[in-house]
């Protein structure tokens, strides 16, 4: 099943991430690999993981999001319409 999987969960399941076995139906007990399940033992990383281009601390991420929010909010109120702010 094409997806982004967490490498550490693959290793914990006893597999080599660089040499994964081919199975007809991954994670459903076929091909002699019934000791793990994709949704239980091998974890997907989520759809947006491909957009990650750097690893930061939570504090750095929160600060960046706060700065972006404040900047967008300020820009919104600089462009008022006769009915009030545009956002």
Protein backbone atom coordinates (compact mmCIF):
# COMPACT_ATOMS: atom_id res chain seq x y z
CA UNK A 1 0.00 0.00 0.00
CA UNK A 2 1.74 3.22 -1.07
CA UNK A 3 2.10 5.56 1.90
CA UNK A 4 4.60 7.29 4.14
CA UNK A 5 5.42 4.94 7.00
CA UNK A 6 7.39 5.64 10.16
CA UNK A 7 10.71 3.84 9.76
CA UNK A 8 11.07 3.05 13.47
CA UNK A 9 7.74 1.19 13.47
CA UNK A 10 8.96 -0.92 10.54
CA UNK A 11 12.13 -1.82 12.46
CA UNK A 12 10.11 -2.62 15.63
CA UNK A 13 8.03 -5.04 13.54
CA UNK A 14 11.27 -6.91 12.78
CA UNK A 15 11.65 -5.79 9.17
CA UNK A 16 14.51 -4.12 7.31
CA UNK A 17 13.14 -0.84 5.88
CA UNK A 18 15.67 -0.93 3.04
CA UNK A 19 14.72 -4.48 1.99
CA UNK A 20 11.00 -4.92 2.55
CA UNK A 21 9.38 -8.16 1.44
CA UNK A 22 6.82 -8.16 -1.35
CA UNK A 23 3.38 -9.32 -0.24
CA UNK A 24 0.10 -9.50 -2.15
CA UNK A 25 -1.97 -7.78 0.53
CA UNK A 26 0.35 -5.98 2.95
CA UNK A 27 -0.58 -6.16 6.60
CA UNK A 28 -3.39 -8.69 6.35
CA UNK A 29 -1.45 -11.86 7.15
CA UNK A 30 -0.44 -12.96 3.64
CA UNK A 31 2.95 -13.95 2.36
CA UNK A 32 4.07 -15.32 5.72
CA UNK A 33 3.97 -11.88 7.33
CA UNK A 34 1.04 -12.39 9.67
CA UNK A 35 3.06 -11.23 12.68
CA UNK A 36 2.33 -7.54 11.96
CA UNK A 37 -0.52 -5.36 10.73
CA UNK A 38 0.01 -2.05 8.96
CA UNK A 39 -2.62 -0.21 10.95
CA UNK A 40 -1.49 -1.65 14.31
CA UNK A 41 2.25 -2.35 14.25
CA UNK A 42 3.55 -0.33 11.31
CA UNK A 43 2.38 3.25 11.53
CA UNK A 44 1.67 5.60 8.67
CA UNK A 45 3.10 9.10 9.01
CA UNK A 46 0.06 10.92 7.62
CA UNK A 47 -0.77 12.56 4.33
CA UNK A 48 1.04 15.85 5.00
CA UNK A 49 4.39 14.39 6.00
CA UNK A 50 5.76 14.94 2.49
CA UNK A 51 5.52 18.69 3.06
CA UNK A 52 7.93 18.65 6.00
CA UNK A 53 11.27 20.17 5.07
CA UNK A 54 12.82 20.77 8.50
CA UNK A 55 12.70 19.46 12.05
CA UNK A 56 12.11 22.07 14.75
CA UNK A 57 11.20 22.13 18.40
CA UNK A 58 7.59 22.55 19.46
CA UNK A 59 8.48 25.96 20.91
CA UNK A 60 9.91 27.11 17.55
CA UNK A 61 6.88 25.82 15.67
CA UNK A 62 4.43 27.51 18.05
CA UNK A 63 6.37 30.79 17.83
CA UNK A 64 6.34 30.62 14.01
CA UNK A 65 2.60 29.89 13.90
CA UNK A 66 1.92 32.74 16.33
CA UNK A 67 4.02 35.15 14.24
CA UNK A 68 2.23 34.09 11.04
CA UNK A 69 -1.18 34.44 12.71
CA UNK A 70 -0.39 37.91 14.09
CA UNK A 71 1.00 39.04 10.72
CA UNK A 72 -2.02 37.75 8.78
CA UNK A 73 -4.43 39.24 11.31
CA UNK A 74 -2.71 42.64 11.17
CA UNK A 75 -2.77 42.57 7.35
CA UNK A 76 -6.45 41.72 7.43
CA UNK A 77 -7.31 44.76 9.51
CA UNK A 78 -5.21 47.06 7.30
CA UNK A 79 -7.58 46.27 4.38
CA UNK A 80 -10.97 47.21 5.82
CA UNK A 81 -14.06 47.51 3.67
CA UNK A 82 -17.04 49.78 4.32
CA UNK A 83 -18.65 46.81 6.10
CA UNK A 84 -15.61 46.28 8.34
CA UNK A 85 -12.51 44.08 8.19
CA UNK A 86 -12.17 41.73 5.23
CA UNK A 87 -11.56 38.69 7.42
